[in-house]
Amino acid sequence: MRCVRKYHITSMLNPIVPMPKGAKILNLAHKRTTPIIWAEIDTDKPTVKRLIRTYETDQELPDEPGQYLGTVETLGIVFHCYDGGERID
């Protein structure tokens, strides 16, 4: 089944978010005080680890940080978030 699901980000230091393989990240925003990712997923796909790369303002970026997802502020720190892709461990 395909649906849109939300994922809470509990740590902003390059969080790993478990989600189904091939998930399409739609949005990154705050809901109350928690950063949330909404993704279009297929619930029949196996779960993989998705890396969200986070960088503070003025922090140097690598040549290819990934697809930009959005910017969130939490605990007084601004994080610019990029999709680091699926991880196979």
Protein backbone atom coordinates (compact mmCIF):
# COMPACT_ATOMS: atom_id res chain seq x y z
CA MET A 1 0.00 0.00 0.00
CA ARG A 2 1.26 3.50 -0.84
CA CYS A 3 0.71 6.30 1.65
CA VAL A 4 2.30 9.40 3.17
CA ARG A 5 3.83 8.79 6.58
CA LYS A 6 5.53 11.12 9.05
CA TYR A 7 8.83 10.42 10.77
CA HIS A 8 9.98 12.23 13.90
CA ILE A 9 13.62 13.29 14.03
CA THR A 10 14.86 12.82 17.57
CA SER A 11 18.50 13.86 17.04
CA MET A 12 19.75 16.52 14.63
CA LEU A 13 23.31 15.14 14.42
CA ASN A 14 23.02 13.30 11.08
CA PRO A 15 19.97 11.28 12.08
CA ILE A 16 19.23 7.85 10.67
CA VAL A 17 15.51 7.42 9.91
CA PRO A 18 14.15 3.91 9.25
CA MET A 19 11.71 3.98 6.33
CA PRO A 20 10.70 1.68 3.48
CA LYS A 21 13.13 1.27 0.58
CA GLY A 22 12.54 3.81 -2.18
CA ALA A 23 10.65 6.28 0.04
CA LYS A 24 10.24 9.72 -1.53
CA ILE A 25 10.82 12.50 1.00
CA LEU A 26 8.19 15.19 0.48
CA ASN A 27 8.79 17.74 3.22
CA LEU A 28 10.79 18.60 6.31
CA ALA A 29 9.27 20.96 8.86
CA HIS A 30 8.45 21.47 12.53
CA LYS A 31 5.36 20.13 14.19
CA ARG A 32 5.24 21.84 17.54
CA THR A 33 8.90 21.59 18.63
CA THR A 34 9.90 18.38 16.82
CA PRO A 35 11.41 18.26 13.32
CA ILE A 36 9.31 15.94 11.13
CA ILE A 37 9.87 14.36 7.73
CA TRP A 38 6.88 13.41 5.60
CA ALA A 39 7.58 10.76 2.98
CA GLU A 40 5.59 8.95 0.33
CA ILE A 41 6.21 5.27 1.02
CA ASP A 42 5.22 1.79 -0.06
CA THR A 43 4.41 -0.19 3.10
CA ASP A 44 5.14 -3.46 1.27
CA LYS A 45 8.83 -2.56 0.79
CA PRO A 46 11.49 -3.63 3.31
CA THR A 47 12.70 -1.06 5.83
CA VAL A 48 16.12 0.54 5.27
CA LYS A 49 18.07 3.23 7.10
CA ARG A 50 17.85 6.71 5.55
CA LEU A 51 20.59 9.18 6.45
CA ILE A 52 19.61 12.83 6.87
CA ARG A 53 22.73 14.98 6.67
CA THR A 54 22.59 18.11 8.80
CA TYR A 55 24.77 21.20 8.63
CA GLU A 56 24.71 24.32 10.76
CA THR A 57 24.79 27.77 9.17
CA ASP A 58 28.35 28.65 8.05
CA GLN A 59 29.47 25.02 8.37
CA GLU A 60 31.39 23.81 5.31
CA LEU A 61 29.40 21.55 2.97
CA PRO A 62 30.86 18.58 1.08
CA ASP A 63 30.91 18.77 -2.72
CA GLU A 64 27.72 16.69 -2.93
CA PRO A 65 25.70 16.99 0.30
CA GLY A 66 22.60 15.34 -1.20
CA GLN A 67 19.19 16.72 -2.11
CA TYR A 68 18.22 19.72 0.02
CA LEU A 69 15.18 18.96 2.20
CA GLY A 70 14.75 22.12 4.22
CA THR A 71 15.90 24.13 7.20
CA VAL A 72 14.75 23.70 10.79
CA GLU A 73 15.59 25.42 14.04
CA THR A 74 15.69 23.41 17.21
CA LEU A 75 17.19 24.23 20.61
CA GLY A 76 18.27 27.58 19.18
CA ILE A 77 20.42 26.01 16.44
CA VAL A 78 19.57 26.24 12.72
CA PHE A 79 20.11 23.03 10.75
CA HIS A 80 20.08 22.76 6.95
CA CYS A 81 19.04 19.22 6.07
CA TYR A 82 19.95 17.09 3.05
CA ASP A 83 18.96 13.58 2.00
CA GLY A 84 22.01 11.38 2.47
CA GLY A 85 20.33 8.39 0.84
CA GLU A 86 19.61 4.84 1.88
CA ARG A 87 22.20 2.92 3.85
CA ILE A 88 22.87 -0.80 3.69
CA ASP A 89 24.53 -2.13 6.83
